[in-house]
Amino acid sequence: MKKTLIALAAVAVSSAAFAQSSVTLYGQVNIGLAKTQGADMALNEGPDGSGSRWGLRGTEDLGGGMKANYILESGFSLDSGNQDVAGQQFQRASWMGLSGGFGEIRLGRQYSIGFDASIGTMPSTAFSSQRMVGLNWAGTVNTRNNDYIKYLSPSFGGLKVSVGTQLKGDTATANTEVGVSYAAGPLKANFVTTKVKGASGSSYGLNAMYDAGFATLGGGYADNAGNNTGKGVFLHAGTKMGNFAPYLQFARNTDAKVSSVEAGAYYSLSKRTRAYGLLNTRSGVANDNNKYTLGLVHTF
């Protein structure tokens, strides 16, 4: 009887410890047909720019309101099965950190604050009108940064502050970013400024999106300083009609004098699977490089 009670107690302790820690497998697969002016039609991995990936998201309750968190995320090409970068297992993200009443701090490879601020304004990330005219958001050198230290504040009535930096001992082109975001009700807005070591001046960008129910309206401005030349504006309008979500975007790089118009639509086949079609055209360049794509994406 005594041995049985001891065994049950051990199981109970083990179960409680396990309940304090969780690991989630997540990801998406994305593939479609893409056609660029002057090139043949091809079957491409994630032709709307939202690539295939799988990842592990974990958290452990440390008590006192504090948690340990991590993400390991690997990208791959669905059309070939190859990793995004050969030999780099977790190219998309590999970080860990702590969160609590103070906010959250993350250490490792992760999204830049500038990209965090822009992702909600780009229905497609490869075809987005901003990227097609060379407007890297707030002058971020990379979508993701190695050796990145990021702090995310708690929300103060919808207002959050974020700071990210790389140490000079890690990279000769260390960058520091500061972002302020606001999200409450139908309104979302972001401001980001970036300073890159060795580049002249600082870059900054701001955007806002308003969900009016029947339509989503937004726009933004970016001024990329130093090595990331180019400044301009973008405008966005979208709506949702049942499972059908069409949108239209316009962007103009006033430095390069290049404009882009993007039209697209996503159609939900289920809660996890969507079909999409996108068209992007540019003006002000020798070759307009019109781009078309039809794709299918599933999240898990």
Protein backbone atom coordinates (compact mmCIF):
# COMPACT_ATOMS: atom_id res chain seq x y z
CA MET A 1 0.00 0.00 0.00
CA LYS A 2 2.80 2.35 0.94
CA LYS A 3 4.64 1.63 -2.33
CA THR A 4 1.44 2.28 -4.27
CA LEU A 5 0.95 5.65 -2.60
CA ILE A 6 4.56 6.61 -3.32
CA ALA A 7 4.14 5.62 -6.98
CA LEU A 8 0.92 7.63 -7.29
CA ALA A 9 2.57 10.64 -5.69
CA ALA A 10 5.49 10.40 -8.14
CA VAL A 11 3.07 10.27 -11.07
CA ALA A 12 1.16 13.25 -9.71
CA VAL A 13 4.36 15.31 -9.32
CA SER A 14 5.53 14.31 -12.79
CA SER A 15 2.16 15.23 -14.34
CA ALA A 16 2.13 18.60 -12.59
CA ALA A 17 5.63 19.39 -13.84
CA PHE A 18 4.69 18.35 -17.38
CA ALA A 19 1.55 20.51 -17.24
CA GLN A 20 3.73 23.56 -16.53
CA SER A 21 5.60 23.07 -19.82
CA SER A 22 4.15 22.80 -23.33
CA VAL A 23 5.48 22.34 -26.85
CA THR A 24 3.42 23.06 -29.98
CA LEU A 25 4.20 21.89 -33.51
CA TYR A 26 3.03 24.44 -36.08
CA GLY A 27 3.67 25.52 -39.65
CA GLN A 28 2.30 25.93 -43.15
CA VAL A 29 2.74 24.60 -46.67
CA ASN A 30 2.40 26.97 -49.63
CA ILE A 31 2.82 26.33 -53.35
CA GLY A 32 1.54 27.77 -56.62
CA LEU A 33 2.08 28.74 -60.23
CA ALA A 34 4.01 31.95 -60.93
CA LYS A 35 4.70 33.88 -64.12
CA THR A 36 7.06 36.83 -64.46
CA GLN A 37 7.11 38.91 -67.62
CA GLY A 38 9.86 37.61 -69.90
CA ALA A 39 10.08 34.22 -68.14
CA ASP A 40 8.21 30.92 -68.44
CA MET A 41 5.47 29.79 -66.06
CA ALA A 42 6.90 27.83 -63.13
CA LEU A 43 5.71 25.88 -60.09
CA ASN A 44 7.08 27.88 -57.18
CA GLU A 45 7.36 27.52 -53.45
CA GLY A 46 5.18 30.11 -51.66
CA PRO A 47 4.79 32.42 -54.66
CA ASP A 48 2.92 35.03 -52.59
CA GLY A 49 6.02 35.31 -50.39
CA SER A 50 4.69 33.44 -47.36
CA GLY A 51 7.02 30.45 -47.48
CA SER A 52 6.51 26.93 -46.23
CA ARG A 53 7.82 26.25 -42.76
CA TRP A 54 7.51 24.08 -39.67
CA GLY A 55 8.36 25.03 -36.13
CA LEU A 56 8.33 24.21 -32.44
CA ARG A 57 6.90 26.76 -30.02
CA GLY A 58 7.49 26.07 -26.33
CA THR A 59 6.78 27.69 -23.00
CA GLU A 60 7.39 26.80 -19.36
CA ASP A 61 5.67 28.38 -16.38
CA LEU A 62 8.43 29.42 -13.94
CA GLY A 63 6.00 30.71 -11.33
CA GLY A 64 5.36 34.20 -10.10
CA GLY A 65 3.93 35.18 -13.47
CA MET A 66 7.20 34.50 -15.30
CA LYS A 67 7.61 32.14 -18.27
CA ALA A 68 10.46 30.80 -20.35
CA ASN A 69 9.69 30.80 -24.08
CA TYR A 70 11.36 29.64 -27.27
CA ILE A 71 10.73 29.18 -30.99
CA LEU A 72 12.68 27.01 -33.44
CA GLU A 73 11.43 27.50 -37.01
CA SER A 74 12.73 25.97 -40.23
CA GLY A 75 11.80 27.02 -43.76
CA PHE A 76 11.74 24.72 -46.77
CA SER A 77 10.67 24.63 -50.41
CA LEU A 78 7.58 22.53 -50.98
CA ASP A 79 8.37 22.07 -54.67
CA SER A 80 11.77 20.46 -53.96
CA GLY A 81 11.82 19.57 -50.26
CA ASN A 82 15.06 21.51 -49.77
CA GLN A 83 15.79 23.74 -46.80
CA ASP A 84 15.61 27.48 -47.44
CA VAL A 85 19.32 27.71 -46.66
CA ALA A 86 21.41 24.54 -46.92
CA GLY A 87 23.02 23.66 -43.61
CA GLN A 88 21.02 26.22 -41.63
CA GLN A 89 18.45 24.14 -39.78
CA PHE A 90 16.42 26.96 -38.22
CA GLN A 91 16.84 29.74 -40.76
CA ARG A 92 13.53 31.42 -39.99
CA ALA A 93 13.85 31.70 -36.21
CA SER A 94 15.82 30.33 -33.29
CA TRP A 95 15.39 32.26 -30.08
CA MET A 96 14.56 31.90 -26.41
CA GLY A 97 13.64 34.35 -23.70
CA LEU A 98 11.67 35.29 -20.62
CA SER A 99 8.29 36.99 -20.23
CA GLY A 100 6.34 38.36 -17.30
CA GLY A 101 4.83 41.54 -15.94
CA PHE A 102 7.86 43.45 -17.23
CA GLY A 103 7.13 42.42 -20.82
CA GLU A 104 9.29 40.01 -22.80
CA ILE A 105 12.94 39.72 -23.78
CA ARG A 106 14.08 37.45 -26.63
CA LEU A 107 17.61 36.41 -27.56
CA GLY A 108 18.68 34.85 -30.87
CA ARG A 109 17.69 34.91 -34.55
CA GLN A 110 14.32 36.58 -34.99
CA TYR A 111 12.23 39.03 -36.99
CA SER A 112 13.38 42.63 -37.04
CA ILE A 113 11.08 45.18 -35.42
CA GLY A 114 10.67 46.87 -38.79
CA PHE A 115 9.37 43.68 -40.35
CA ASP A 116 7.09 43.03 -37.36
CA ALA A 117 5.55 46.45 -38.02
CA SER A 118 5.08 45.89 -41.75
CA ILE A 119 3.80 42.31 -41.96
CA GLY A 120 0.19 43.25 -41.20
CA THR A 121 0.16 45.73 -44.07
CA MET A 122 1.31 43.25 -46.73
CA PRO A 123 -1.27 40.66 -47.86
CA SER A 124 1.56 39.12 -49.87
CA THR A 125 5.16 39.60 -48.82
CA ALA A 126 6.96 38.86 -52.11
CA PHE A 127 4.51 40.64 -54.41
CA SER A 128 3.69 43.44 -51.99
CA SER A 129 3.61 46.83 -53.67
CA GLN A 130 6.03 48.20 -51.04
CA ARG A 131 8.70 45.63 -51.80
CA MET A 132 8.21 45.83 -55.55
CA VAL A 133 9.34 49.47 -55.50
CA GLY A 134 12.20 48.89 -53.04
CA LEU A 135 10.72 50.28 -49.83
CA ASN A 136 12.37 48.16 -47.13
CA TRP A 137 10.27 48.99 -44.13
CA ALA A 138 11.98 51.54 -41.89
CA GLY A 139 15.31 50.68 -43.51
CA THR A 140 15.66 47.24 -41.94
CA VAL A 141 18.69 45.52 -43.44
CA ASN A 142 17.22 42.05 -43.01
CA THR A 143 13.80 40.53 -42.50
CA ARG A 144 15.44 38.60 -39.66
CA ASN A 145 18.54 39.40 -37.63
CA ASN A 146 21.13 37.05 -36.15
CA ASP A 147 22.39 37.66 -32.61
CA TYR A 148 19.40 39.88 -31.97
CA ILE A 149 18.30 41.14 -28.56
CA LYS A 150 14.66 42.25 -28.56
CA TYR A 151 12.56 43.73 -25.76
CA LEU A 152 8.75 43.92 -26.00
CA SER A 153 6.92 45.98 -23.39
CA PRO A 154 3.55 45.05 -21.88
CA SER A 155 0.50 46.78 -23.32
CA PHE A 156 -0.50 50.13 -21.86
CA GLY A 157 -4.06 50.59 -23.11
CA GLY A 158 -3.09 49.17 -26.49
CA LEU A 159 0.26 50.98 -26.66
CA LYS A 160 3.46 48.91 -26.80
CA VAL A 161 7.15 49.79 -27.13
CA SER A 162 9.79 47.49 -28.63
CA VAL A 163 13.56 47.81 -28.82
CA GLY A 164 15.94 45.58 -30.75
CA THR A 165 19.71 45.65 -31.16
CA GLN A 166 22.74 43.68 -32.27
CA LEU A 167 26.01 43.94 -30.36
CA LYS A 168 29.07 45.26 -32.20
CA GLY A 169 30.92 42.12 -31.16
CA ASP A 170 28.48 40.06 -33.21
CA THR A 171 28.40 42.02 -36.48
CA ALA A 172 30.19 44.97 -38.05
CA THR A 173 26.86 46.31 -39.37
CA ALA A 174 25.01 46.15 -36.05
CA ASN A 175 21.62 47.85 -36.13
CA THR A 176 19.37 49.24 -33.44
CA GLU A 177 15.60 49.59 -33.84
CA VAL A 178 12.90 51.26 -31.77
CA GLY A 179 9.22 50.71 -32.42
CA VAL A 180 5.97 52.03 -31.00
CA SER A 181 2.72 50.23 -31.84
CA TYR A 182 -0.92 50.81 -31.01
CA ALA A 183 -3.76 48.32 -31.35
CA ALA A 184 -7.20 48.93 -29.90
CA GLY A 185 -10.56 48.20 -31.49
CA PRO A 186 -10.47 48.65 -35.26
CA LEU A 187 -7.25 50.71 -35.35
CA LYS A 188 -3.65 49.46 -35.62
CA ALA A 189 -0.68 51.78 -36.06
CA ASN A 190 3.12 51.48 -35.98
CA PHE A 191 6.15 53.75 -35.91
CA VAL A 192 9.68 52.36 -36.33
CA THR A 193 13.11 53.96 -36.57
CA THR A 194 16.35 52.14 -37.41
CA LYS A 195 20.01 53.11 -37.12
CA VAL A 196 22.61 50.95 -38.87
CA LYS A 197 26.25 51.17 -37.78
CA GLY A 198 28.30 52.72 -40.58
CA ALA A 199 25.28 54.13 -42.46
CA SER A 200 24.51 57.83 -42.58
CA GLY A 201 21.31 58.99 -40.95
CA SER A 202 18.45 56.98 -39.48
CA SER A 203 15.54 55.38 -41.24
CA TYR A 204 11.95 55.59 -40.12
CA GLY A 205 8.51 54.45 -41.14
CA LEU A 206 4.92 54.70 -39.99
CA ASN A 207 1.72 52.98 -41.00
CA ALA A 208 -1.88 52.58 -39.91
CA MET A 209 -4.69 50.16 -40.74
CA TYR A 210 -8.38 50.67 -39.91
CA ASP A 211 -10.93 47.86 -40.01
CA ALA A 212 -14.31 49.44 -40.74
CA GLY A 213 -16.05 46.08 -40.85
CA PHE A 214 -17.09 46.21 -44.49
CA ALA A 215 -13.56 47.27 -45.54
CA THR A 216 -9.98 47.58 -44.33
CA LEU A 217 -8.21 50.83 -45.18
CA GLY A 218 -4.61 51.76 -44.56
CA GLY A 219 -1.45 53.43 -45.66
CA GLY A 220 2.06 54.30 -44.65
CA TYR A 221 5.27 56.19 -45.32
CA ALA A 222 8.88 54.99 -45.22
CA ASP A 223 12.16 56.91 -45.50
CA ASN A 224 15.15 54.60 -45.85
CA ALA A 225 18.37 56.45 -45.07
CA GLY A 226 22.04 55.67 -45.67
CA ASN A 227 22.68 52.42 -47.51
CA ASN A 228 18.94 51.74 -47.84
CA THR A 229 18.03 54.60 -50.16
CA GLY A 230 14.43 55.15 -51.12
CA LYS A 231 11.39 56.77 -49.64
CA GLY A 232 7.73 56.74 -50.48
CA VAL A 233 4.16 55.90 -49.60
CA PHE A 234 1.73 53.01 -49.92
CA LEU A 235 -2.07 52.79 -49.81
CA HIS A 236 -4.19 49.72 -49.11
CA ALA A 237 -7.88 48.86 -49.44
CA GLY A 238 -9.47 45.48 -48.86
CA THR A 239 -12.78 43.89 -48.05
CA LYS A 240 -14.22 40.51 -47.13
CA MET A 241 -17.32 38.96 -48.66
CA GLY A 242 -17.92 35.62 -47.01
CA ASN A 243 -14.92 33.44 -47.80
CA PHE A 244 -13.69 35.85 -50.47
CA ALA A 245 -11.18 38.59 -49.49
CA PRO A 246 -10.01 40.83 -52.36
CA TYR A 247 -7.63 43.78 -51.92
CA LEU A 248 -5.81 46.50 -53.84
CA GLN A 249 -2.50 48.21 -53.05
CA PHE A 250 -0.49 51.07 -54.50
CA ALA A 251 3.07 52.13 -53.67
CA ARG A 252 5.35 54.87 -54.94
CA ASN A 253 9.10 55.20 -54.39
CA THR A 254 9.66 58.92 -54.90
CA ASP A 255 13.46 58.56 -54.97
CA ALA A 256 13.53 55.90 -57.69
CA LYS A 257 10.37 57.27 -59.36
CA VAL A 258 8.90 53.77 -59.54
CA SER A 259 5.24 52.92 -58.86
CA SER A 260 3.53 49.59 -58.28
CA VAL A 261 -0.07 48.40 -58.26
CA GLU A 262 -0.98 45.06 -56.71
CA ALA A 263 -4.39 43.38 -56.93
CA GLY A 264 -5.20 40.07 -55.31
CA ALA A 265 -7.70 37.92 -53.50
CA TYR A 266 -7.69 35.05 -51.03
CA TYR A 267 -10.50 32.50 -50.83
CA SER A 268 -10.96 30.38 -47.70
CA LEU A 269 -11.67 26.74 -48.54
CA SER A 270 -11.68 25.91 -44.81
CA LYS A 271 -10.37 27.39 -41.56
CA ARG A 272 -6.85 26.25 -42.48
CA THR A 273 -6.71 26.19 -46.29
CA ARG A 274 -6.88 29.15 -48.70
CA ALA A 275 -6.52 29.62 -52.44
CA TYR A 276 -5.21 32.89 -53.83
CA GLY A 277 -4.49 34.82 -56.99
CA LEU A 278 -2.24 37.88 -57.27
CA LEU A 279 -1.19 40.35 -59.96
CA ASN A 280 1.50 42.99 -59.60
CA THR A 281 2.63 45.53 -62.19
CA ARG A 282 5.27 48.26 -62.03
CA SER A 283 5.84 51.47 -63.97
CA GLY A 284 8.88 53.70 -64.20
CA VAL A 285 11.37 50.89 -64.94
CA ALA A 286 12.78 49.63 -68.24
CA ASN A 287 10.97 46.30 -67.85
CA ASP A 288 7.67 46.50 -65.98
CA ASN A 289 8.15 42.93 -64.74
CA ASN A 290 4.46 42.15 -64.41
CA LYS A 291 3.98 39.19 -62.07
CA TYR A 292 1.07 36.76 -61.76
CA THR A 293 0.52 33.86 -59.41
CA LEU A 294 -2.12 31.30 -58.39
CA GLY A 295 -1.50 29.39 -55.19
CA LEU A 296 -2.73 27.24 -52.35
CA VAL A 297 -1.70 27.53 -48.69
CA HIS A 298 -2.52 25.34 -45.67
CA THR A 299 -1.63 26.12 -42.05
CA PHE A 300 -1.30 23.67 -39.18
